[in-house]
């Protein structure tokens, strides 16, 4: 047998094997893709927070949340024209605001708000002296 004839026979055999295995390979790929898609679809969609829900978690007004988002310090996503936040982004923002951990959040029950609309400000009440708000300013807000 000549080398040319051997090469032709080897090529023909390789083509036959490839054609015979092609359906099995295609089916294996389809199965893998289907299983991966099923696993992805089965995962619950992450719960995104509204601006108001994010504001409640941060103990600030909604405008403060929007302002932080506009400044780029609080990441958010727009879903169907509405601003939404991932809970883990809110937690990351809280941690970044704490810095070295020495600052703590003011309990929600100890927050009072002054003003309305875009100019709302949150102040700690007098029983929370030490949060950076002087007692006279907190009493004025009441």
C-alpha atoms as a PDB file:
ATOM      1  CA  UNK A   1       0.000   0.000   0.000  1.00  0.00           C
ATOM      2  CA  UNK A   2       1.259   3.419  -0.867  1.00  0.00           C
ATOM      3  CA  UNK A   3       1.547   6.311   1.615  1.00  0.00           C
ATOM      4  CA  UNK A   4      -0.940   8.332  -0.419  1.00  0.00           C
ATOM      5  CA  UNK A   5      -3.491   5.542  -0.278  1.00  0.00           C
ATOM      6  CA  UNK A   6      -2.953   5.208   3.525  1.00  0.00           C
ATOM      7  CA  UNK A   7      -3.486   8.956   4.025  1.00  0.00           C
ATOM      8  CA  UNK A   8      -6.689   8.853   1.985  1.00  0.00           C
ATOM      9  CA  UNK A   9      -7.963   5.841   3.930  1.00  0.00           C
ATOM     10  CA  UNK A  10      -7.113   7.515   7.266  1.00  0.00           C
ATOM     11  CA  UNK A  11      -8.891  10.702   6.206  1.00  0.00           C
ATOM     12  CA  UNK A  12     -11.956   8.749   5.076  1.00  0.00           C
ATOM     13  CA  UNK A  13     -11.995   6.806   8.358  1.00  0.00           C
ATOM     14  CA  UNK A  14     -11.700  10.037  10.377  1.00  0.00           C
ATOM     15  CA  UNK A  15     -14.636  11.510   8.460  1.00  0.00           C
ATOM     16  CA  UNK A  16     -16.740   8.399   9.066  1.00  0.00           C
ATOM     17  CA  UNK A  17     -15.971   8.448  12.793  1.00  0.00           C
ATOM     18  CA  UNK A  18     -16.711  12.191  13.015  1.00  0.00           C
ATOM     19  CA  UNK A  19     -20.034  11.743  11.205  1.00  0.00           C
ATOM     20  CA  UNK A  20     -20.945   8.808  13.451  1.00  0.00           C
ATOM     21  CA  UNK A  21     -20.054  10.691  16.627  1.00  0.00           C
ATOM     22  CA  UNK A  22     -21.530  14.057  15.587  1.00  0.00           C
ATOM     23  CA  UNK A  23     -25.113  13.282  16.792  1.00  0.00           C
ATOM     24  CA  UNK A  24     -23.814  12.029  20.153  1.00  0.00           C
ATOM     25  CA  UNK A  25     -21.601  15.107  20.571  1.00  0.00           C
ATOM     26  CA  UNK A  26     -24.415  17.459  19.606  1.00  0.00           C
ATOM     27  CA  UNK A  27     -26.789  15.744  22.030  1.00  0.00           C
ATOM     28  CA  UNK A  28     -24.221  15.906  24.851  1.00  0.00           C
ATOM     29  CA  UNK A  29     -23.751  19.631  24.243  1.00  0.00           C
ATOM     30  CA  UNK A  30     -27.521  20.176  24.147  1.00  0.00           C
ATOM     31  CA  UNK A  31     -27.915  18.304  27.429  1.00  0.00           C
ATOM     32  CA  UNK A  32     -25.172  20.356  29.114  1.00  0.00           C
ATOM     33  CA  UNK A  33     -26.635  23.644  27.883  1.00  0.00           C
ATOM     34  CA  UNK A  34     -30.167  22.630  28.893  1.00  0.00           C
ATOM     35  CA  UNK A  35     -29.032  21.658  32.400  1.00  0.00           C
ATOM     36  CA  UNK A  36     -27.092  24.905  32.798  1.00  0.00           C
ATOM     37  CA  UNK A  37     -30.087  26.964  31.648  1.00  0.00           C
ATOM     38  CA  UNK A  38     -32.449  25.061  33.934  1.00  0.00           C
ATOM     39  CA  UNK A  39     -30.144  25.677  36.893  1.00  0.00           C
ATOM     40  CA  UNK A  40     -29.912  29.374  36.015  1.00  0.00           C
ATOM     41  CA  UNK A  41     -33.663  29.790  35.553  1.00  0.00           C
ATOM     42  CA  UNK A  42     -34.387  27.899  38.778  1.00  0.00           C
ATOM     43  CA  UNK A  43     -32.483  30.516  40.801  1.00  0.00           C
ATOM     44  CA  UNK A  44     -34.796  33.140  42.249  1.00  0.00           C
ATOM     45  CA  UNK A  45     -34.370  36.619  40.824  1.00  0.00           C
ATOM     46  CA  UNK A  46     -32.497  38.872  43.231  1.00  0.00           C
ATOM     47  CA  UNK A  47     -34.771  41.183  45.205  1.00  0.00           C
ATOM     48  CA  UNK A  48     -34.022  44.778  44.300  1.00  0.00           C
ATOM     49  CA  UNK A  49     -34.856  47.567  46.733  1.00  0.00           C
ATOM     50  CA  UNK A  50     -36.811  50.676  45.846  1.00  0.00           C
ATOM     51  CA  UNK A  51     -35.403  54.108  46.649  1.00  0.00           C
ATOM     52  CA  UNK A  52     -37.672  54.282  49.701  1.00  0.00           C
ATOM     53  CA  UNK A  53     -36.611  50.821  50.945  1.00  0.00           C
ATOM     54  CA  UNK A  54     -32.940  51.757  50.506  1.00  0.00           C
ATOM     55  CA  UNK A  55     -33.580  55.022  52.384  1.00  0.00           C
ATOM     56  CA  UNK A  56     -35.174  53.102  55.251  1.00  0.00           C
ATOM     57  CA  UNK A  57     -32.195  50.749  55.496  1.00  0.00           C
ATOM     58  CA  UNK A  58     -29.805  53.697  55.484  1.00  0.00           C
ATOM     59  CA  UNK A  59     -31.965  55.749  57.855  1.00  0.00           C
ATOM     60  CA  UNK A  60     -32.038  58.725  55.502  1.00  0.00           C
ATOM     61  CA  UNK A  61     -34.625  60.316  53.242  1.00  0.00           C
ATOM     62  CA  UNK A  62     -35.198  59.141  49.673  1.00  0.00           C
ATOM     63  CA  UNK A  63     -33.592  62.266  48.191  1.00  0.00           C
ATOM     64  CA  UNK A  64     -30.342  61.511  50.047  1.00  0.00           C
ATOM     65  CA  UNK A  65     -30.321  58.067  48.415  1.00  0.00           C
ATOM     66  CA  UNK A  66     -30.909  59.584  44.977  1.00  0.00           C
ATOM     67  CA  UNK A  67     -28.176  62.154  45.579  1.00  0.00           C
ATOM     68  CA  UNK A  68     -25.670  59.461  46.617  1.00  0.00           C
ATOM     69  CA  UNK A  69     -26.567  57.529  43.463  1.00  0.00           C
ATOM     70  CA  UNK A  70     -26.114  60.601  41.253  1.00  0.00           C
ATOM     71  CA  UNK A  71     -22.717  61.270  42.873  1.00  0.00           C
ATOM     72  CA  UNK A  72     -21.714  57.690  42.113  1.00  0.00           C
ATOM     73  CA  UNK A  73     -21.159  56.676  45.737  1.00  0.00           C
ATOM     74  CA  UNK A  74     -24.176  54.349  45.821  1.00  0.00           C
ATOM     75  CA  UNK A  75     -24.508  51.970  42.845  1.00  0.00           C
ATOM     76  CA  UNK A  76     -27.987  51.292  41.530  1.00  0.00           C
ATOM     77  CA  UNK A  77     -29.750  49.948  38.472  1.00  0.00           C
ATOM     78  CA  UNK A  78     -32.628  51.270  36.440  1.00  0.00           C
ATOM     79  CA  UNK A  79     -35.337  48.679  35.952  1.00  0.00           C
ATOM     80  CA  UNK A  80     -38.218  49.699  33.706  1.00  0.00           C
ATOM     81  CA  UNK A  81     -37.412  53.367  34.310  1.00  0.00           C
ATOM     82  CA  UNK A  82     -37.291  53.059  38.113  1.00  0.00           C
ATOM     83  CA  UNK A  83     -34.137  53.272  40.215  1.00  0.00           C
ATOM     84  CA  UNK A  84     -33.453  50.094  42.203  1.00  0.00           C
ATOM     85  CA  UNK A  85     -30.660  48.936  44.506  1.00  0.00           C
ATOM     86  CA  UNK A  86     -29.149  45.550  45.274  1.00  0.00           C
ATOM     87  CA  UNK A  87     -29.270  44.794  49.024  1.00  0.00           C
ATOM     88  CA  UNK A  88     -25.588  43.845  48.980  1.00  0.00           C
ATOM     89  CA  UNK A  89     -24.728  47.263  47.476  1.00  0.00           C
ATOM     90  CA  UNK A  90     -26.570  48.966  50.339  1.00  0.00           C
ATOM     91  CA  UNK A  91     -24.665  46.860  52.886  1.00  0.00           C
ATOM     92  CA  UNK A  92     -21.372  47.637  51.126  1.00  0.00           C
ATOM     93  CA  UNK A  93     -22.234  51.353  51.205  1.00  0.00           C
ATOM     94  CA  UNK A  94     -22.963  51.156  54.942  1.00  0.00           C
ATOM     95  CA  UNK A  95     -19.636  49.429  55.556  1.00  0.00           C
ATOM     96  CA  UNK A  96     -17.773  51.999  53.465  1.00  0.00           C
ATOM     97  CA  UNK A  97     -19.412  54.827  55.403  1.00  0.00           C
ATOM     98  CA  UNK A  98     -18.363  53.227  58.685  1.00  0.00           C
ATOM     99  CA  UNK A  99     -14.744  53.360  57.592  1.00  0.00           C
ATOM    100  CA  UNK A 100     -12.730  51.560  60.259  1.00  0.00           C
ATOM    101  CA  UNK A 101     -15.848  50.371  62.052  1.00  0.00           C
ATOM    102  CA  UNK A 102     -15.728  53.075  64.709  1.00  0.00           C
ATOM    103  CA  UNK A 103     -18.894  54.776  63.461  1.00  0.00           C
ATOM    104  CA  UNK A 104     -22.211  53.107  64.135  1.00  0.00           C
ATOM    105  CA  UNK A 105     -25.604  53.640  62.614  1.00  0.00           C
ATOM    106  CA  UNK A 106     -28.166  55.689  64.471  1.00  0.00           C
ATOM    107  CA  UNK A 107     -31.071  53.416  65.432  1.00  0.00           C
ATOM    108  CA  UNK A 108     -34.141  54.109  63.308  1.00  0.00           C
ATOM    109  CA  UNK A 109     -36.261  54.771  66.401  1.00  0.00           C
ATOM    110  CA  UNK A 110     -33.914  57.634  67.303  1.00  0.00           C
ATOM    111  CA  UNK A 111     -34.193  59.484  63.977  1.00  0.00           C
ATOM    112  CA  UNK A 112     -36.346  62.540  63.480  1.00  0.00           C
ATOM    113  CA  UNK A 113     -36.784  64.361  60.208  1.00  0.00           C
ATOM    114  CA  UNK A 114     -36.930  68.073  59.619  1.00  0.00           C
ATOM    115  CA  UNK A 115     -38.196  69.814  56.505  1.00  0.00           C
ATOM    116  CA  UNK A 116     -39.870  68.230  53.527  1.00  0.00           C
ATOM    117  CA  UNK A 117     -39.349  67.440  49.881  1.00  0.00           C
ATOM    118  CA  UNK A 118     -35.805  67.555  48.523  1.00  0.00           C
ATOM    119  CA  UNK A 119     -34.404  69.346  51.583  1.00  0.00           C
ATOM    120  CA  UNK A 120     -35.295  66.776  54.261  1.00  0.00           C
ATOM    121  CA  UNK A 121     -32.559  66.170  56.778  1.00  0.00           C
ATOM    122  CA  UNK A 122     -32.233  63.429  59.367  1.00  0.00           C
ATOM    123  CA  UNK A 123     -31.110  64.387  62.835  1.00  0.00           C
ATOM    124  CA  UNK A 124     -30.371  62.302  65.869  1.00  0.00           C
ATOM    125  CA  UNK A 125     -32.501  63.118  68.886  1.00  0.00           C
ATOM    126  CA  UNK A 126     -31.004  64.471  72.090  1.00  0.00           C
ATOM    127  CA  UNK A 127     -30.736  61.011  73.628  1.00  0.00           C
ATOM    128  CA  UNK A 128     -28.192  60.183  70.909  1.00  0.00           C
ATOM    129  CA  UNK A 129     -25.641  62.879  71.642  1.00  0.00           C
ATOM    130  CA  UNK A 130     -22.366  61.767  70.165  1.00  0.00           C
ATOM    131  CA  UNK A 131     -23.648  61.113  66.673  1.00  0.00           C
ATOM    132  CA  UNK A 132     -22.369  64.510  65.573  1.00  0.00           C
ATOM    133  CA  UNK A 133     -25.586  66.461  66.209  1.00  0.00           C
ATOM    134  CA  UNK A 134     -25.668  68.979  69.020  1.00  0.00           C
ATOM    135  CA  UNK A 135     -28.601  68.937  71.432  1.00  0.00           C
ATOM    136  CA  UNK A 136     -29.786  72.442  70.535  1.00  0.00           C
ATOM    137  CA  UNK A 137     -30.080  71.527  66.855  1.00  0.00           C
ATOM    138  CA  UNK A 138     -32.028  68.327  67.671  1.00  0.00           C
ATOM    139  CA  UNK A 139     -34.380  70.188  70.036  1.00  0.00           C
ATOM    140  CA  UNK A 140     -34.976  72.852  67.382  1.00  0.00           C
ATOM    141  CA  UNK A 141     -36.043  70.144  64.958  1.00  0.00           C
ATOM    142  CA  UNK A 142     -38.658  68.819  67.364  1.00  0.00           C
END
